[in-house]
Amino acid sequence: MRARAAATLVCLALVGSVAWLHRGQRSRARLPSRRRLAENRTTLRDFPVGTRGRWEHTAAGFVFYDRAEEPVLRLRTPPVQRAPRSHTHHHKFNAACLVRADPMGVLAGARGGWGVLGFRNDEFEPLAVLTFVTRDPARKKLAPGAVGAKLGRVEGYMRREAALFRDFARVINAINATAGPARVLDIGANHGLFALFAALRGARVAAVEAQATLASVVKVATLANGVDVDVFHNAILDVPAVVEIAELGASNDLNEGGTASLGAPREAPMAQVRTASVDLVASEVFGAAPVDFLKIDVEGVEIPALRASLGLLGRGGVREGSVEFGPARRWEDSEKHGIAGANPAAAVDVLRRIGAAGYDTYVTYGGKEGCVPALNATGGLAREAFVRENQLAVVKRSLAHQCIPSV
């Protein structure tokens, strides 16, 4: 009898527990959807294209808010070991020259915007992109215009560079289908658009950005997209040195990515950055394996950056590359502001050395119809390099490419 009573009590307790759980589930189901997303979301890419909001750095990590000021994502970035001082940095490149992006250290107290940006005609999957706005504690609330203007500029850049995104996709898809994952090296990462694009397509990616703030923004953006990328805060040059660049925040934030250059006029605040070679970064991340796609966009300093790639190219360590190239007047401006060997004669020399390493080079603009050899019939620099900004296609001689007439 006592056993039957005990069993009855246990059954009643279980029924009561199930009813309590059911009520709890109904209660949780009535919570605002934004709150549930804040608890469960792991990436910003789940939001529709056009969604925008703001982010801020806190002691615990990075918090992302939607336009209704509801938190939608929290990220804790891993700590980064500070790079030791290199006693040999002025003599040779070594691993101590490399500085990994440090979001928790560099972005302390910072705030900015985020948005999910799409490609024209939905050609590719969208990207969640971050921008930096301020470290000023007096600016408690970011105006929508401060966020929207920067995201608008980034979105415009995405659309202008559609051909380069297609090149990335072509190479990555081909390598992933045969010997993947593809290895991609993004020099001059800016807001990380190409690094994000490649990583989301399954590539192993290393990115280099000379501005400390922007390098850290790129690192946080990779995590907010659910991918991991090796991001370095370095300037790519052909000589070991510590150089200066206008840091993000100077001139009302106009020095953001595309307008900041080692070869630009000096202005306050300037920040120091260690140089590294392309070969050094590739060896650190990929070891002896070749790079399938090399992208260089360093705002008028591409000739020294190409010289910094000769070690990698010399051993056939790049399958294909694309370099923002010209116009020549930008190289001359860089030389005026202290970057040696950035001029048309230096361009001819480095292109000849790249050719001797087994690569063809083409100045490209406007698709297949706008492809000319980078060196003309007399061995001089192609006229197009003097009149417009182009892409320089660097292609291993055994490979097919849209600029090769037989393709």
Protein backbone atom coordinates (compact mmCIF):
# COMPACT_ATOMS: atom_id res chain seq x y z
CA MET A 1 0.00 0.00 0.00
CA ARG A 2 2.79 2.40 0.92
CA ALA A 3 4.62 1.47 -2.27
CA ARG A 4 1.50 2.24 -4.37
CA ALA A 5 1.09 5.61 -2.63
CA ALA A 6 4.73 6.46 -3.22
CA ALA A 7 4.40 5.58 -6.90
CA THR A 8 1.33 7.80 -7.15
CA LEU A 9 3.24 10.71 -5.59
CA VAL A 10 6.12 10.23 -8.05
CA CYS A 11 3.69 10.25 -10.99
CA LEU A 12 2.02 13.41 -9.73
CA ALA A 13 5.43 15.05 -9.31
CA LEU A 14 6.41 14.13 -12.85
CA VAL A 15 3.15 15.46 -14.27
CA GLY A 16 3.64 18.68 -12.34
CA SER A 17 7.23 19.00 -13.65
CA VAL A 18 6.12 18.46 -17.24
CA ALA A 19 3.37 21.05 -16.82
CA TRP A 20 5.90 23.51 -15.35
CA LEU A 21 8.29 22.91 -18.23
CA HIS A 22 5.46 23.34 -20.73
CA ARG A 23 4.44 26.63 -19.13
CA GLY A 24 8.09 27.71 -19.21
CA GLN A 25 8.35 26.88 -22.89
CA ARG A 26 5.18 28.85 -23.61
CA SER A 27 6.58 31.73 -21.58
CA ARG A 28 9.86 31.68 -23.45
CA ALA A 29 8.02 31.49 -26.76
CA ARG A 30 6.37 34.80 -25.89
CA LEU A 31 9.75 36.55 -25.47
CA PRO A 32 10.59 39.11 -28.16
CA SER A 33 12.31 37.46 -31.10
CA ARG A 34 15.27 39.87 -30.83
CA ARG A 35 16.01 38.61 -27.32
CA ARG A 36 16.02 35.00 -28.45
CA LEU A 37 18.34 35.93 -31.31
CA ALA A 38 20.67 37.69 -28.88
CA GLU A 39 20.92 34.46 -26.89
CA ASN A 40 21.36 32.08 -29.81
CA ARG A 41 22.93 33.99 -32.68
CA THR A 42 26.49 33.09 -33.71
CA THR A 43 26.88 35.25 -36.83
CA LEU A 44 25.56 38.51 -38.23
CA ARG A 45 25.11 36.95 -41.65
CA ASP A 46 21.78 35.47 -40.53
CA PHE A 47 20.21 38.91 -40.95
CA PRO A 48 18.74 39.98 -44.31
CA VAL A 49 20.75 42.13 -46.70
CA GLY A 50 20.37 45.78 -45.77
CA THR A 51 20.21 45.20 -42.00
CA ARG A 52 22.37 47.69 -40.13
CA GLY A 53 23.27 48.48 -36.57
CA ARG A 54 26.12 49.48 -34.30
CA TRP A 55 28.77 47.72 -32.25
CA GLU A 56 30.78 48.67 -29.19
CA HIS A 57 33.75 47.33 -27.29
CA THR A 58 33.15 46.32 -23.67
CA ALA A 59 35.30 44.73 -20.99
CA ALA A 60 33.76 41.36 -21.86
CA GLY A 61 34.11 41.63 -25.63
CA PHE A 62 32.15 43.13 -28.51
CA VAL A 63 28.40 43.71 -28.44
CA PHE A 64 26.33 44.25 -31.59
CA TYR A 65 22.99 46.08 -31.54
CA ASP A 66 20.24 46.43 -34.11
CA ARG A 67 18.57 49.75 -34.94
CA ALA A 68 16.14 49.25 -32.06
CA GLU A 69 19.14 49.12 -29.71
CA GLU A 70 18.53 45.45 -28.89
CA PRO A 71 21.69 43.34 -28.55
CA VAL A 72 21.82 40.73 -31.30
CA LEU A 73 25.31 39.25 -30.94
CA ARG A 74 28.09 39.11 -28.39
CA LEU A 75 31.64 38.12 -29.33
CA ARG A 76 34.63 37.45 -27.13
CA THR A 77 37.83 37.65 -29.15
CA PRO A 78 40.78 35.50 -28.09
CA PRO A 79 43.70 37.26 -26.40
CA VAL A 80 46.70 37.97 -28.60
CA GLN A 81 50.25 37.61 -27.39
CA ARG A 82 52.02 40.89 -27.97
CA ALA A 83 54.79 40.68 -30.54
CA PRO A 84 58.26 40.81 -28.98
CA ARG A 85 60.58 43.62 -29.91
CA SER A 86 62.70 42.46 -32.82
CA HIS A 87 66.36 43.33 -32.33
CA THR A 88 67.13 42.27 -35.91
CA HIS A 89 64.16 43.94 -37.59
CA HIS A 90 66.28 46.61 -39.25
CA HIS A 91 68.57 43.96 -40.74
CA LYS A 92 66.39 41.08 -41.96
CA PHE A 93 62.83 39.82 -41.99
CA ASN A 94 61.97 37.19 -39.40
CA ALA A 95 58.91 35.94 -37.54
CA ALA A 96 59.35 38.61 -34.85
CA CYS A 97 58.44 41.22 -37.48
CA LEU A 98 54.88 39.90 -37.70
CA VAL A 99 52.21 41.49 -35.48
CA ARG A 100 48.84 39.80 -35.20
CA ALA A 101 45.74 42.00 -35.03
CA ASP A 102 44.71 42.59 -31.41
CA PRO A 103 41.05 43.70 -31.24
CA MET A 104 40.72 43.68 -27.44
CA GLY A 105 43.82 45.84 -27.07
CA VAL A 106 43.50 48.16 -30.07
CA LEU A 107 39.74 48.70 -30.06
CA ALA A 108 39.35 49.41 -26.32
CA GLY A 109 36.47 51.88 -25.95
CA ALA A 110 35.78 51.96 -29.69
CA ARG A 111 32.41 51.98 -31.42
CA GLY A 112 31.29 51.63 -34.98
CA GLY A 113 28.69 50.33 -37.38
CA TRP A 114 27.86 47.01 -38.98
CA GLY A 115 25.74 46.01 -41.91
CA VAL A 116 24.89 43.04 -44.10
CA LEU A 117 25.92 44.04 -47.61
CA GLY A 118 24.89 42.22 -50.76
CA PHE A 119 26.29 42.00 -54.27
CA ARG A 120 24.49 43.30 -57.31
CA ASN A 121 21.90 40.79 -58.58
CA ASP A 122 22.75 38.53 -55.60
CA GLU A 123 25.71 37.21 -57.57
CA PHE A 124 27.46 36.07 -54.39
CA GLU A 125 26.48 35.48 -50.79
CA PRO A 126 26.27 38.63 -48.64
CA LEU A 127 28.94 39.78 -46.18
CA ALA A 128 28.56 41.23 -42.70
CA VAL A 129 30.90 44.24 -42.69
CA LEU A 130 32.14 46.38 -39.79
CA THR A 131 33.27 50.00 -39.84
CA PHE A 132 35.00 52.08 -37.17
CA VAL A 133 33.45 55.38 -36.11
CA THR A 134 34.92 56.72 -32.86
CA ARG A 135 36.73 56.24 -29.58
CA ASP A 136 35.36 59.51 -28.20
CA PRO A 137 33.55 58.70 -24.91
CA ALA A 138 31.50 61.91 -25.28
CA ARG A 139 29.71 60.46 -28.32
CA LYS A 140 27.34 58.27 -26.35
CA LYS A 141 25.11 57.53 -29.30
CA LEU A 142 26.12 57.11 -32.90
CA ALA A 143 23.94 58.95 -35.40
CA PRO A 144 22.56 56.67 -38.13
CA GLY A 145 24.27 58.88 -40.69
CA ALA A 146 27.69 58.23 -39.14
CA VAL A 147 27.16 54.50 -39.58
CA GLY A 148 25.34 54.61 -42.92
CA ALA A 149 27.81 56.88 -44.72
CA LYS A 150 30.75 54.58 -44.10
CA LEU A 151 28.82 51.44 -44.94
CA GLY A 152 27.64 53.13 -48.12
CA ARG A 153 31.23 53.80 -49.19
CA VAL A 154 32.20 50.19 -48.50
CA GLU A 155 29.19 48.89 -50.44
CA GLY A 156 30.10 51.11 -53.38
CA TYR A 157 33.60 49.64 -53.37
CA MET A 158 32.17 46.10 -53.35
CA ARG A 159 30.17 46.86 -56.48
CA ARG A 160 33.04 48.59 -58.29
CA GLU A 161 35.32 45.59 -57.71
CA ALA A 162 32.88 42.97 -59.02
CA ALA A 163 35.41 41.67 -61.56
CA LEU A 164 38.00 41.04 -58.85
CA PHE A 165 35.48 39.15 -56.72
CA ARG A 166 34.77 36.98 -59.76
CA ASP A 167 38.50 36.26 -60.10
CA PHE A 168 38.61 35.22 -56.46
CA ALA A 169 35.61 32.94 -56.93
CA ARG A 170 37.00 31.39 -60.13
CA VAL A 171 40.33 30.45 -58.57
CA ILE A 172 38.94 29.34 -55.20
CA ASN A 173 36.23 27.19 -56.77
CA ALA A 174 38.73 25.53 -59.11
CA ILE A 175 41.21 24.72 -56.32
CA ASN A 176 38.54 23.61 -53.85
CA ALA A 177 37.13 21.22 -56.45
CA THR A 178 40.48 19.50 -57.05
CA ALA A 179 43.03 19.97 -54.29
CA GLY A 180 41.34 22.36 -51.80
CA PRO A 181 41.15 24.23 -49.64
CA ALA A 182 42.51 27.15 -51.65
CA ARG A 183 45.12 29.38 -50.00
CA VAL A 184 44.55 33.13 -50.31
CA LEU A 185 46.80 36.01 -49.26
CA ASP A 186 45.16 39.45 -49.04
CA ILE A 187 47.69 42.29 -48.82
CA GLY A 188 46.03 45.60 -47.97
CA ALA A 189 42.89 44.05 -46.53
CA ASN A 190 41.05 47.36 -45.96
CA HIS A 191 37.70 46.33 -44.39
CA GLY A 192 38.40 42.68 -45.09
CA LEU A 193 35.91 42.26 -47.92
CA PHE A 194 38.06 39.91 -50.00
CA ALA A 195 39.37 38.03 -46.97
CA LEU A 196 35.79 37.45 -45.79
CA PHE A 197 34.65 36.51 -49.28
CA ALA A 198 37.43 33.93 -49.66
CA ALA A 199 37.02 32.45 -46.18
CA LEU A 200 33.26 32.06 -46.64
CA ARG A 201 34.00 30.07 -49.79
CA GLY A 202 36.13 27.64 -47.79
CA ALA A 203 39.59 29.09 -48.47
CA ARG A 204 42.42 29.28 -45.94
CA VAL A 205 43.09 33.02 -45.72
CA ALA A 206 45.78 35.35 -44.38
CA ALA A 207 45.17 39.12 -44.45
CA VAL A 208 47.57 42.02 -43.87
CA GLU A 209 46.51 45.60 -43.06
CA ALA A 210 48.85 48.46 -42.14
CA GLN A 211 46.38 50.40 -39.98
CA ALA A 212 46.10 48.91 -36.49
CA THR A 213 42.47 49.91 -36.00
CA LEU A 214 41.35 48.59 -39.37
CA ALA A 215 43.30 45.33 -38.93
CA SER A 216 41.47 44.74 -35.65
CA VAL A 217 38.11 45.63 -37.20
CA VAL A 218 38.82 43.02 -39.91
CA LYS A 219 39.58 40.39 -37.27
CA VAL A 220 36.31 41.04 -35.42
CA ALA A 221 34.43 41.03 -38.74
CA THR A 222 35.75 37.56 -39.57
CA LEU A 223 34.42 36.21 -36.28
CA ALA A 224 31.08 37.99 -36.78
CA ASN A 225 30.81 36.17 -40.14
CA GLY A 226 31.57 32.82 -38.54
CA VAL A 227 34.99 32.32 -40.14
CA ASP A 228 38.56 32.57 -38.93
CA VAL A 229 41.31 34.42 -40.78
CA ASP A 230 44.92 35.11 -39.81
CA VAL A 231 45.04 38.92 -39.68
CA PHE A 232 48.34 40.79 -39.35
CA HIS A 233 49.00 44.44 -38.54
CA ASN A 234 51.97 45.03 -40.84
CA ALA A 235 52.99 47.14 -43.82
CA ILE A 236 54.31 45.22 -46.81
CA LEU A 237 57.60 46.63 -48.06
CA ASP A 238 60.79 45.19 -49.49
CA VAL A 239 63.00 46.37 -46.61
CA PRO A 240 62.78 45.60 -42.87
CA ALA A 241 61.87 48.81 -41.06
CA VAL A 242 59.45 50.55 -38.76
CA VAL A 243 57.46 53.10 -40.78
CA GLU A 244 54.60 55.50 -40.15
CA ILE A 245 51.06 55.63 -41.49
CA ALA A 246 48.14 57.94 -40.71
CA GLU A 247 46.07 55.97 -38.22
CA LEU A 248 42.32 55.63 -38.50
CA GLY A 249 40.77 58.58 -36.72
CA ALA A 250 42.96 61.26 -38.28
CA SER A 251 41.28 63.97 -40.37
CA ASN A 252 37.76 63.10 -39.20
CA ASP A 253 38.24 59.46 -40.16
CA LEU A 254 38.97 60.19 -43.80
CA ASN A 255 42.08 58.01 -43.57
CA GLU A 256 40.00 54.86 -43.61
CA GLY A 257 41.55 52.07 -45.61
CA GLY A 258 41.33 53.34 -49.16
CA THR A 259 42.72 56.79 -48.42
CA ALA A 260 45.55 55.92 -46.05
CA SER A 261 48.91 55.05 -47.53
CA LEU A 262 52.53 54.79 -46.48
CA GLY A 263 53.19 57.13 -49.37
CA ALA A 264 50.67 59.80 -48.33
CA PRO A 265 51.54 63.18 -46.77
CA ARG A 266 52.37 63.02 -43.06
CA GLU A 267 49.73 64.28 -40.67
CA ALA A 268 48.79 63.76 -37.03
CA PRO A 269 48.09 61.34 -35.54
CA MET A 270 50.63 59.06 -37.13
CA ALA A 271 51.23 55.51 -35.96
CA GLN A 272 54.20 53.21 -36.31
CA VAL A 273 53.93 49.87 -38.05
CA ARG A 274 56.49 47.14 -38.72
CA THR A 275 57.15 46.06 -42.27
CA ALA A 276 57.02 42.49 -43.50
CA SER A 277 57.57 40.75 -46.82
CA VAL A 278 54.92 38.77 -48.65
CA ASP A 279 57.19 35.72 -48.41
CA LEU A 280 57.34 36.04 -44.61
CA VAL A 281 53.56 36.18 -44.18
CA ALA A 282 52.99 33.27 -46.58
CA SER A 283 55.58 31.12 -44.79
CA GLU A 284 54.07 31.91 -41.37
CA VAL A 285 50.55 30.87 -42.37
CA PHE A 286 50.94 28.36 -45.22
CA GLY A 287 54.43 26.98 -44.64
CA ALA A 288 55.99 25.78 -47.89
CA ALA A 289 52.62 25.36 -49.63
CA PRO A 290 51.95 27.67 -52.59
CA VAL A 291 49.51 30.60 -52.52
CA ASP A 292 46.65 30.06 -54.95
CA PHE A 293 45.58 33.71 -55.12
CA LEU A 294 47.58 36.78 -54.10
CA LYS A 295 45.81 40.13 -53.92
CA ILE A 296 47.76 43.37 -53.35
CA ASP A 297 46.10 46.76 -52.87
CA VAL A 298 48.43 49.15 -51.07
CA GLU A 299 47.52 52.56 -52.45
CA GLY A 300 50.50 53.60 -54.56
CA VAL A 301 53.12 51.42 -52.84
CA GLU A 302 52.57 48.38 -55.07
CA ILE A 303 56.02 48.46 -56.70
CA PRO A 304 57.89 47.93 -53.37
CA ALA A 305 55.19 45.40 -52.41
CA LEU A 306 55.84 43.47 -55.63
CA ARG A 307 59.55 43.47 -54.83
CA ALA A 308 58.60 42.09 -51.41
CA SER A 309 56.85 39.23 -53.28
CA LEU A 310 59.84 38.20 -55.41
CA GLY A 311 61.00 35.52 -52.96
CA LEU A 312 57.61 33.80 -53.12
CA LEU A 313 57.27 34.28 -56.88
CA GLY A 314 60.86 33.19 -57.48
CA ARG A 315 60.11 29.69 -56.22
CA GLY A 316 56.84 29.48 -58.13
CA GLY A 317 54.89 29.97 -54.92
CA VAL A 318 51.93 31.86 -56.41
CA ARG A 319 49.37 30.43 -58.81
CA GLU A 320 47.74 33.73 -59.75
CA GLY A 321 47.67 37.29 -58.44
CA SER A 322 45.93 40.63 -58.87
CA VAL A 323 47.57 43.92 -57.93
CA GLU A 324 46.05 47.41 -57.93
CA PHE A 325 48.44 49.07 -60.36
CA GLY A 326 48.98 52.73 -61.22
CA PRO A 327 48.56 55.37 -62.34
CA ALA A 328 52.25 56.20 -62.34
CA ARG A 329 51.73 59.62 -60.75
CA ARG A 330 50.75 57.87 -57.51
CA TRP A 331 54.13 56.13 -57.43
CA GLU A 332 55.85 59.48 -57.83
CA ASP A 333 53.79 60.88 -54.95
CA SER A 334 54.86 57.93 -52.81
CA GLU A 335 58.53 58.62 -53.56
CA LYS A 336 58.08 62.27 -52.60
CA HIS A 337 56.87 61.10 -49.19
CA GLY A 338 59.70 58.71 -48.49
CA ILE A 339 58.90 55.39 -50.24
CA ALA A 340 61.99 54.49 -52.28
CA GLY A 341 61.79 52.64 -55.58
CA ALA A 342 58.21 53.55 -56.49
CA ASN A 343 58.50 54.92 -60.04
CA PRO A 344 58.02 53.73 -63.65
CA ALA A 345 61.64 52.57 -64.04
CA ALA A 346 61.34 50.52 -60.85
CA ALA A 347 58.06 49.09 -62.17
CA VAL A 348 59.75 47.93 -65.38
CA ASP A 349 62.54 46.30 -63.38
CA VAL A 350 60.23 44.36 -61.06
CA LEU A 351 57.99 43.25 -63.96
CA ARG A 352 61.03 41.89 -65.80
CA ARG A 353 62.07 39.97 -62.69
CA ILE A 354 58.56 38.57 -62.30
CA GLY A 355 58.69 37.49 -65.95
CA ALA A 356 62.05 35.79 -65.39
CA ALA A 357 60.44 33.85 -62.53
CA GLY A 358 57.97 32.28 -64.97
CA TYR A 359 54.97 34.60 -64.84
CA ASP A 360 53.06 36.60 -67.43
CA THR A 361 51.79 40.03 -66.41
CA TYR A 362 48.87 41.96 -67.91
CA VAL A 363 47.42 45.37 -67.21
CA THR A 364 43.67 44.80 -67.06
CA TYR A 365 40.74 47.18 -67.10
CA GLY A 366 37.12 46.63 -68.05
CA GLY A 367 37.10 42.87 -68.67
CA LYS A 368 38.66 40.70 -71.36
CA GLU A 369 38.75 43.50 -73.91
CA GLY A 370 40.90 45.57 -71.56
CA CYS A 371 43.93 43.31 -71.27
CA VAL A 372 47.37 44.37 -72.49
CA PRO A 373 50.82 43.03 -71.63
CA ALA A 374 52.30 45.05 -68.77
CA LEU A 375 55.50 45.52 -70.77
CA ASN A 376 55.14 46.67 -74.36
CA ALA A 377 57.00 45.42 -77.44
CA THR A 378 60.02 47.61 -76.69
CA GLY A 379 60.23 46.48 -73.05
CA GLY A 380 58.74 49.67 -71.65
CA LEU A 381 55.79 50.07 -69.32
CA ALA A 382 52.37 49.80 -70.95
CA ARG A 383 50.77 53.17 -71.68
CA GLU A 384 47.70 52.24 -69.60
CA ALA A 385 49.79 52.31 -66.42
CA PHE A 386 50.27 56.05 -66.90
CA VAL A 387 46.68 57.06 -67.58
CA ARG A 388 44.43 55.14 -65.16
CA GLU A 389 44.21 52.91 -62.13
CA ASN A 390 44.32 49.28 -63.31
CA GLN A 391 44.66 45.75 -62.04
CA LEU A 392 47.89 43.93 -62.77
CA ALA A 393 47.20 40.25 -63.44
CA VAL A 394 50.14 38.01 -62.50
CA VAL A 395 49.67 34.53 -63.95
CA LYS A 396 51.92 31.50 -63.83
CA ARG A 397 52.97 30.91 -67.42
CA SER A 398 51.58 27.38 -67.65
CA LEU A 399 48.04 28.45 -66.67
CA ALA A 400 45.15 29.68 -68.80
CA HIS A 401 43.84 33.19 -68.18
CA GLN A 402 41.25 35.45 -69.77
CA CYS A 403 43.99 37.84 -70.96
CA ILE A 404 45.80 35.12 -72.92
CA PRO A 405 44.57 35.27 -76.56
CA SER A 406 44.06 31.50 -76.86
CA VAL A 407 41.62 31.44 -73.94
